[in-house]
Amino acid sequence: MGHLVSISGSSTIIGAEPPATVRAPEIEPGVGCNFDSYLLIPDNTLDDRIAAAKDRLGEDVVILGHHYQRDEVIKFADFRGDSLKLSFQASEAYSRYIVFCGVHFMAEGADILRRQHQIVVLPDLNAGCSMADMADIGQVEACWNELASVVDTRMIVPVSYMNSTAAIKAFTGEHRGSICTSSNSAAVMKWAFETSERVLFFPMNILAVTPAIAWAFRWNK
């Protein structure tokens, strides 16, 4: 990791007081972004600047637009779709810069799959996902250590939903687990229960119950 960059000189930590004025470095005299006021101006006033920047960078940039983005953003996207599909498409492109119009875990996914020469840009490093925030790596590691005190963790398989941080995905892989999506969750749960006696699922419990029921219905009816 380490290739997620912000359009500002420094990222703003959630909960911290942002500086009064944040300006992007001027590439040309008089061409900069005042982030104090840009949210107050109509979206279409930025269209020409975005189009010009995209034209100037040409094939050096690919813009990914998640389904959830507004029309004002999605119209500039080279690829549109869900986060995993977009990450694969970006990694197959030649472009040096991958601008991911989405949330943090999506950009991390693109950063995992990117080619060596590619750099992933997340316009707002504070753009988060409430589901991904339901479990952080500290909580997961603490849970694993508590489980280790009462059961043999070799008999536990961790499964994480795609909406999770890169740190949790790495933890899952290190402990012989798997990452699942909505479309393959039942198959992953089937594999997990065939592999081990117990499954530790995160970040959200309802996402574990639903595929487990689907798996039980599909393969044990």
C-alpha atoms as a PDB file:
ATOM      1  CA  MET A   1       0.000   0.000   0.000  1.00  0.00           C
ATOM      2  CA  GLY A   2       1.156   3.574   0.199  1.00  0.00           C
ATOM      3  CA  HIS A   3       0.100   4.673  -3.285  1.00  0.00           C
ATOM      4  CA  LEU A   4      -3.178   6.309  -2.282  1.00  0.00           C
ATOM      5  CA  VAL A   5      -2.740  10.037  -2.721  1.00  0.00           C
ATOM      6  CA  SER A   6      -4.986  13.013  -2.130  1.00  0.00           C
ATOM      7  CA  ILE A   7      -5.490  16.019  -4.336  1.00  0.00           C
ATOM      8  CA  SER A   8      -4.529  18.174  -1.357  1.00  0.00           C
ATOM      9  CA  GLY A   9      -1.033  18.461   0.031  1.00  0.00           C
ATOM     10  CA  SER A  10      -1.979  16.630   3.210  1.00  0.00           C
ATOM     11  CA  SER A  11      -4.883  14.437   4.166  1.00  0.00           C
ATOM     12  CA  THR A  12      -7.387  15.427   6.824  1.00  0.00           C
ATOM     13  CA  ILE A  13      -7.787  12.956   9.662  1.00  0.00           C
ATOM     14  CA  ILE A  14     -11.373  12.205  10.595  1.00  0.00           C
ATOM     15  CA  GLY A  15     -12.230  14.110  13.730  1.00  0.00           C
ATOM     16  CA  ALA A  16      -9.431  16.617  13.313  1.00  0.00           C
ATOM     17  CA  GLU A  17     -10.120  20.283  12.687  1.00  0.00           C
ATOM     18  CA  PRO A  18      -9.310  21.023   9.017  1.00  0.00           C
ATOM     19  CA  PRO A  19      -7.195  24.053   8.173  1.00  0.00           C
ATOM     20  CA  ALA A  20      -9.045  27.252   7.291  1.00  0.00           C
ATOM     21  CA  THR A  21      -7.842  27.176   3.687  1.00  0.00           C
ATOM     22  CA  VAL A  22      -6.490  24.263   1.706  1.00  0.00           C
ATOM     23  CA  ARG A  23      -5.131  24.925  -1.762  1.00  0.00           C
ATOM     24  CA  ALA A  24      -3.836  22.535  -4.366  1.00  0.00           C
ATOM     25  CA  PRO A  25      -0.419  23.461  -5.826  1.00  0.00           C
ATOM     26  CA  GLU A  26      -0.721  25.699  -8.879  1.00  0.00           C
ATOM     27  CA  ILE A  27       0.412  23.966 -12.053  1.00  0.00           C
ATOM     28  CA  GLU A  28       0.043  27.225 -13.931  1.00  0.00           C
ATOM     29  CA  PRO A  29      -0.131  30.783 -12.540  1.00  0.00           C
ATOM     30  CA  GLY A  30      -3.618  31.499 -11.313  1.00  0.00           C
ATOM     31  CA  VAL A  31      -4.776  27.897 -11.678  1.00  0.00           C
ATOM     32  CA  GLY A  32      -5.456  26.405  -8.268  1.00  0.00           C
ATOM     33  CA  CYS A  33      -8.354  25.082  -6.220  1.00  0.00           C
ATOM     34  CA  ASN A  34      -9.717  26.859  -3.196  1.00  0.00           C
ATOM     35  CA  PHE A  35     -11.404  24.087  -1.235  1.00  0.00           C
ATOM     36  CA  ASP A  36     -13.111  26.585   1.053  1.00  0.00           C
ATOM     37  CA  SER A  37     -15.590  27.564  -1.641  1.00  0.00           C
ATOM     38  CA  TYR A  38     -15.738  24.863  -4.307  1.00  0.00           C
ATOM     39  CA  LEU A  39     -18.717  23.127  -2.677  1.00  0.00           C
ATOM     40  CA  LEU A  40     -20.676  26.376  -2.863  1.00  0.00           C
ATOM     41  CA  ILE A  41     -20.406  26.836  -6.618  1.00  0.00           C
ATOM     42  CA  PRO A  42     -22.542  25.018  -9.223  1.00  0.00           C
ATOM     43  CA  ASP A  43     -21.151  21.637 -10.280  1.00  0.00           C
ATOM     44  CA  ASN A  44     -21.122  22.562 -13.956  1.00  0.00           C
ATOM     45  CA  THR A  45     -18.589  25.358 -13.397  1.00  0.00           C
ATOM     46  CA  LEU A  46     -15.949  22.658 -12.906  1.00  0.00           C
ATOM     47  CA  ASP A  47     -16.881  20.728 -16.038  1.00  0.00           C
ATOM     48  CA  ASP A  48     -14.542  22.621 -18.361  1.00  0.00           C
ATOM     49  CA  ARG A  49     -11.605  22.286 -15.993  1.00  0.00           C
ATOM     50  CA  ILE A  50     -12.172  18.569 -15.484  1.00  0.00           C
ATOM     51  CA  ALA A  51     -12.542  17.976 -19.225  1.00  0.00           C
ATOM     52  CA  ALA A  52      -9.402  20.001 -19.929  1.00  0.00           C
ATOM     53  CA  ALA A  53      -7.377  18.103 -17.324  1.00  0.00           C
ATOM     54  CA  LYS A  54      -8.593  14.776 -18.661  1.00  0.00           C
ATOM     55  CA  ASP A  55      -7.752  15.821 -22.212  1.00  0.00           C
ATOM     56  CA  ARG A  56      -4.300  16.984 -21.156  1.00  0.00           C
ATOM     57  CA  LEU A  57      -3.470  13.726 -19.367  1.00  0.00           C
ATOM     58  CA  GLY A  58      -4.915  11.601 -22.158  1.00  0.00           C
ATOM     59  CA  GLU A  59      -4.150   7.901 -21.779  1.00  0.00           C
ATOM     60  CA  ASP A  60      -2.118   8.593 -18.629  1.00  0.00           C
ATOM     61  CA  VAL A  61      -5.306   8.691 -16.561  1.00  0.00           C
ATOM     62  CA  VAL A  62      -8.311   6.432 -16.191  1.00  0.00           C
ATOM     63  CA  ILE A  63     -11.313   7.560 -14.148  1.00  0.00           C
ATOM     64  CA  LEU A  64     -13.413   4.963 -12.340  1.00  0.00           C
ATOM     65  CA  GLY A  65     -16.982   5.828 -11.357  1.00  0.00           C
ATOM     66  CA  HIS A  66     -18.818   3.674  -8.856  1.00  0.00           C
ATOM     67  CA  HIS A  67     -22.549   3.104  -9.365  1.00  0.00           C
ATOM     68  CA  TYR A  68     -23.314   5.250  -6.317  1.00  0.00           C
ATOM     69  CA  GLN A  69     -21.761   8.412  -7.737  1.00  0.00           C
ATOM     70  CA  ARG A  70     -23.886  11.346  -8.869  1.00  0.00           C
ATOM     71  CA  ASP A  71     -24.429  12.065 -12.558  1.00  0.00           C
ATOM     72  CA  GLU A  72     -22.165  15.120 -12.285  1.00  0.00           C
ATOM     73  CA  VAL A  73     -19.274  12.787 -11.463  1.00  0.00           C
ATOM     74  CA  ILE A  74     -20.151   9.634 -13.379  1.00  0.00           C
ATOM     75  CA  LYS A  75     -20.295  11.442 -16.721  1.00  0.00           C
ATOM     76  CA  PHE A  76     -16.487  11.788 -16.632  1.00  0.00           C
ATOM     77  CA  ALA A  77     -15.856   8.116 -15.817  1.00  0.00           C
ATOM     78  CA  ASP A  78     -14.096   5.877 -18.316  1.00  0.00           C
ATOM     79  CA  PHE A  79     -15.459   2.809 -16.532  1.00  0.00           C
ATOM     80  CA  ARG A  80     -18.618   2.430 -14.442  1.00  0.00           C
ATOM     81  CA  GLY A  81     -19.588  -0.463 -12.221  1.00  0.00           C
ATOM     82  CA  ASP A  82     -19.051  -2.026  -8.808  1.00  0.00           C
ATOM     83  CA  SER A  83     -15.768  -1.659  -6.968  1.00  0.00           C
ATOM     84  CA  LEU A  84     -14.191  -5.038  -7.755  1.00  0.00           C
ATOM     85  CA  LYS A  85     -15.038  -4.911 -11.450  1.00  0.00           C
ATOM     86  CA  LEU A  86     -13.653  -1.368 -11.688  1.00  0.00           C
ATOM     87  CA  SER A  87     -10.403  -2.376  -9.972  1.00  0.00           C
ATOM     88  CA  PHE A  88      -9.839  -5.190 -12.460  1.00  0.00           C
ATOM     89  CA  GLN A  89     -10.585  -2.884 -15.394  1.00  0.00           C
ATOM     90  CA  ALA A  90      -8.149  -0.267 -14.120  1.00  0.00           C
ATOM     91  CA  SER A  91      -5.356  -2.805 -13.622  1.00  0.00           C
ATOM     92  CA  GLU A  92      -5.770  -3.938 -17.227  1.00  0.00           C
ATOM     93  CA  ALA A  93      -5.452  -0.377 -18.525  1.00  0.00           C
ATOM     94  CA  TYR A  94      -2.138   1.194 -19.475  1.00  0.00           C
ATOM     95  CA  SER A  95      -2.886   4.437 -17.615  1.00  0.00           C
ATOM     96  CA  ARG A  96      -0.402   5.600 -14.993  1.00  0.00           C
ATOM     97  CA  TYR A  97      -3.010   7.312 -12.814  1.00  0.00           C
ATOM     98  CA  ILE A  98      -6.175   5.610 -11.565  1.00  0.00           C
ATOM     99  CA  VAL A  99      -8.684   8.129 -10.221  1.00  0.00           C
ATOM    100  CA  PHE A 100     -11.248   6.213  -8.197  1.00  0.00           C
ATOM    101  CA  CYS A 101     -14.478   8.121  -7.636  1.00  0.00           C
ATOM    102  CA  GLY A 102     -15.642   6.031  -4.724  1.00  0.00           C
ATOM    103  CA  VAL A 103     -14.781   5.370  -1.089  1.00  0.00           C
ATOM    104  CA  HIS A 104     -11.603   4.364   0.689  1.00  0.00           C
ATOM    105  CA  PHE A 105     -11.885   0.566   0.624  1.00  0.00           C
ATOM    106  CA  MET A 106     -12.590   0.699  -3.131  1.00  0.00           C
ATOM    107  CA  ALA A 107      -9.408   2.646  -3.811  1.00  0.00           C
ATOM    108  CA  GLU A 108      -7.492   0.216  -1.595  1.00  0.00           C
ATOM    109  CA  GLY A 109      -8.825  -2.647  -3.707  1.00  0.00           C
ATOM    110  CA  ALA A 110      -7.598  -0.925  -6.850  1.00  0.00           C
ATOM    111  CA  ASP A 111      -4.241  -0.348  -5.162  1.00  0.00           C
ATOM    112  CA  ILE A 112      -3.949  -4.072  -4.392  1.00  0.00           C
ATOM    113  CA  LEU A 113      -4.648  -5.061  -8.008  1.00  0.00           C
ATOM    114  CA  ARG A 114      -2.801  -2.227  -9.780  1.00  0.00           C
ATOM    115  CA  ARG A 115       0.267  -2.705 -11.941  1.00  0.00           C
ATOM    116  CA  GLN A 116       3.647  -1.639 -10.609  1.00  0.00           C
ATOM    117  CA  HIS A 117       3.748   1.639 -12.540  1.00  0.00           C
ATOM    118  CA  GLN A 118       0.230   2.705 -11.591  1.00  0.00           C
ATOM    119  CA  ILE A 119      -0.779   5.149  -8.853  1.00  0.00           C
ATOM    120  CA  VAL A 120      -4.261   5.175  -7.332  1.00  0.00           C
ATOM    121  CA  VAL A 121      -5.769   8.581  -6.566  1.00  0.00           C
ATOM    122  CA  LEU A 122      -8.690   8.927  -4.163  1.00  0.00           C
ATOM    123  CA  PRO A 123      -9.975  12.510  -4.479  1.00  0.00           C
ATOM    124  CA  ASP A 124     -11.158  12.567  -0.853  1.00  0.00           C
ATOM    125  CA  LEU A 125      -9.223  10.403   1.591  1.00  0.00           C
ATOM    126  CA  ASN A 126     -12.048  10.817   4.106  1.00  0.00           C
ATOM    127  CA  ALA A 127     -14.633   9.232   1.788  1.00  0.00           C
ATOM    128  CA  GLY A 128     -15.509   6.202   3.867  1.00  0.00           C
ATOM    129  CA  CYS A 129     -17.985   3.331   3.933  1.00  0.00           C
ATOM    130  CA  SER A 130     -20.096   2.823   7.049  1.00  0.00           C
ATOM    131  CA  MET A 131     -20.088  -0.936   6.535  1.00  0.00           C
ATOM    132  CA  ALA A 132     -16.309  -1.139   6.144  1.00  0.00           C
ATOM    133  CA  ASP A 133     -16.001   0.951   9.311  1.00  0.00           C
ATOM    134  CA  MET A 134     -17.950  -1.624  11.332  1.00  0.00           C
ATOM    135  CA  ALA A 135     -14.749  -3.606  11.906  1.00  0.00           C
ATOM    136  CA  ASP A 136     -11.180  -2.359  12.066  1.00  0.00           C
ATOM    137  CA  ILE A 137      -8.030  -4.462  12.128  1.00  0.00           C
ATOM    138  CA  GLY A 138      -7.508  -3.891  15.854  1.00  0.00           C
ATOM    139  CA  GLN A 139     -10.933  -5.293  16.696  1.00  0.00           C
ATOM    140  CA  VAL A 140     -10.463  -8.274  14.403  1.00  0.00           C
ATOM    141  CA  GLU A 141      -7.039  -9.130  15.843  1.00  0.00           C
ATOM    142  CA  ALA A 142      -8.372  -8.787  19.389  1.00  0.00           C
ATOM    143  CA  CYS A 143     -11.297 -11.060  18.530  1.00  0.00           C
ATOM    144  CA  TRP A 144      -8.944 -13.636  17.020  1.00  0.00           C
ATOM    145  CA  ASN A 145      -6.719 -13.610  20.104  1.00  0.00           C
ATOM    146  CA  GLU A 146      -9.737 -14.079  22.381  1.00  0.00           C
ATOM    147  CA  LEU A 147     -10.926 -17.001  20.283  1.00  0.00           C
ATOM    148  CA  ALA A 148      -7.428 -18.496  20.425  1.00  0.00           C
ATOM    149  CA  SER A 149      -7.697 -18.616  24.218  1.00  0.00           C
ATOM    150  CA  VAL A 150     -10.701 -20.958  24.099  1.00  0.00           C
ATOM    151  CA  VAL A 151     -10.537 -22.840  20.768  1.00  0.00           C
ATOM    152  CA  ASP A 152      -7.973 -24.007  18.246  1.00  0.00           C
ATOM    153  CA  THR A 153      -7.912 -21.219  15.629  1.00  0.00           C
ATOM    154  CA  ARG A 154      -6.691 -23.730  13.050  1.00  0.00           C
ATOM    155  CA  MET A 155     -10.313 -24.850  13.012  1.00  0.00           C
ATOM    156  CA  ILE A 156     -11.566 -21.328  12.230  1.00  0.00           C
ATOM    157  CA  VAL A 157     -11.705 -19.810   8.752  1.00  0.00           C
ATOM    158  CA  PRO A 158     -12.057 -16.031   8.470  1.00  0.00           C
ATOM    159  CA  VAL A 159     -14.307 -14.708   5.708  1.00  0.00           C
ATOM    160  CA  SER A 160     -14.514 -11.018   4.916  1.00  0.00           C
ATOM    161  CA  TYR A 161     -16.958  -9.169   2.740  1.00  0.00           C
ATOM    162  CA  MET A 162     -15.527  -7.018  -0.038  1.00  0.00           C
ATOM    163  CA  ASN A 163     -16.547  -3.886   1.903  1.00  0.00           C
ATOM    164  CA  SER A 164     -13.608  -4.083   4.292  1.00  0.00           C
ATOM    165  CA  THR A 165     -10.221  -2.461   4.691  1.00  0.00           C
ATOM    166  CA  ALA A 166      -7.060  -3.711   3.021  1.00  0.00           C
ATOM    167  CA  ALA A 167      -5.670  -4.564   6.471  1.00  0.00           C
ATOM    168  CA  ILE A 168      -8.609  -6.873   7.161  1.00  0.00           C
ATOM    169  CA  LYS A 169      -8.303  -8.452   3.717  1.00  0.00           C
ATOM    170  CA  ALA A 170      -4.621  -9.114   4.446  1.00  0.00           C
ATOM    171  CA  PHE A 171      -5.504 -10.638   7.831  1.00  0.00           C
ATOM    172  CA  THR A 172      -8.052 -12.884   6.136  1.00  0.00           C
ATOM    173  CA  GLY A 173      -5.499 -14.120   3.630  1.00  0.00           C
ATOM    174  CA  GLU A 174      -2.826 -14.678   6.268  1.00  0.00           C
ATOM    175  CA  HIS A 175      -5.214 -16.972   8.156  1.00  0.00           C
ATOM    176  CA  ARG A 176      -6.258 -19.076   5.130  1.00  0.00           C
ATOM    177  CA  GLY A 177      -9.534 -17.266   4.652  1.00  0.00           C
ATOM    178  CA  SER A 178     -11.371 -15.758   1.709  1.00  0.00           C
ATOM    179  CA  ILE A 179     -12.931 -12.490   0.549  1.00  0.00           C
ATOM    180  CA  CYS A 180     -16.485 -12.742  -0.729  1.00  0.00           C
ATOM    181  CA  THR A 181     -18.866 -10.613  -2.757  1.00  0.00           C
ATOM    182  CA  SER A 182     -22.652 -10.584  -2.839  1.00  0.00           C
ATOM    183  CA  SER A 183     -22.709 -12.876  -5.863  1.00  0.00           C
ATOM    184  CA  ASN A 184     -20.395 -15.591  -4.516  1.00  0.00           C
ATOM    185  CA  SER A 185     -21.083 -15.427  -0.763  1.00  0.00           C
ATOM    186  CA  ALA A 186     -23.053 -18.691  -0.678  1.00  0.00           C
ATOM    187  CA  ALA A 187     -20.295 -20.558  -2.522  1.00  0.00           C
ATOM    188  CA  VAL A 188     -17.619 -19.091  -0.224  1.00  0.00           C
ATOM    189  CA  MET A 189     -19.590 -20.090   2.877  1.00  0.00           C
ATOM    190  CA  LYS A 190     -19.960 -23.612   1.502  1.00  0.00           C
ATOM    191  CA  TRP A 191     -16.181 -23.762   0.974  1.00  0.00           C
ATOM    192  CA  ALA A 192     -15.518 -22.342   4.443  1.00  0.00           C
ATOM    193  CA  PHE A 193     -17.681 -24.889   6.269  1.00  0.00           C
ATOM    194  CA  GLU A 194     -16.218 -27.722   4.228  1.00  0.00           C
ATOM    195  CA  THR A 195     -12.735 -26.471   5.164  1.00  0.00           C
ATOM    196  CA  SER A 196     -13.221 -25.853   8.867  1.00  0.00           C
ATOM    197  CA  GLU A 197     -15.595 -26.270  11.789  1.00  0.00           C
ATOM    198  CA  ARG A 198     -16.170 -22.555  12.375  1.00  0.00           C
ATOM    199  CA  VAL A 199     -16.327 -19.372  10.323  1.00  0.00           C
ATOM    200  CA  LEU A 200     -15.427 -15.906  11.562  1.00  0.00           C
ATOM    201  CA  PHE A 201     -17.238 -13.434   9.316  1.00  0.00           C
ATOM    202  CA  PHE A 202     -16.870  -9.654   9.215  1.00  0.00           C
ATOM    203  CA  PRO A 203     -17.545  -6.782   9.077  1.00  0.00           C
ATOM    204  CA  MET A 204     -21.339  -7.196   9.520  1.00  0.00           C
ATOM    205  CA  ASN A 205     -23.160 -10.125  11.113  1.00  0.00           C
ATOM    206  CA  ILE A 206     -26.247 -10.012   8.861  1.00  0.00           C
ATOM    207  CA  LEU A 207     -23.978 -10.543   5.872  1.00  0.00           C
ATOM    208  CA  ALA A 208     -22.825 -13.780   7.463  1.00  0.00           C
ATOM    209  CA  VAL A 209     -26.314 -15.031   8.298  1.00  0.00           C
ATOM    210  CA  THR A 210     -27.772 -14.466   4.830  1.00  0.00           C
ATOM    211  CA  PRO A 211     -25.156 -16.435   2.822  1.00  0.00           C
ATOM    212  CA  ALA A 212     -25.075 -19.134   5.491  1.00  0.00           C
ATOM    213  CA  ILE A 213     -28.812 -19.657   5.118  1.00  0.00           C
ATOM    214  CA  ALA A 214     -28.493 -19.577   1.337  1.00  0.00           C
ATOM    215  CA  TRP A 215     -25.688 -22.140   1.497  1.00  0.00           C
ATOM    216  CA  ALA A 216     -27.643 -24.423   3.810  1.00  0.00           C
ATOM    217  CA  PHE A 217     -30.732 -24.205   1.615  1.00  0.00           C
ATOM    218  CA  ARG A 218     -28.873 -24.751  -1.649  1.00  0.00           C
ATOM    219  CA  TRP A 219     -26.667 -27.653  -0.636  1.00  0.00           C
ATOM    220  CA  ASN A 220     -28.594 -29.332   2.169  1.00  0.00           C
ATOM    221  CA  LYS A 221     -32.232 -29.074   1.155  1.00  0.00           C
END
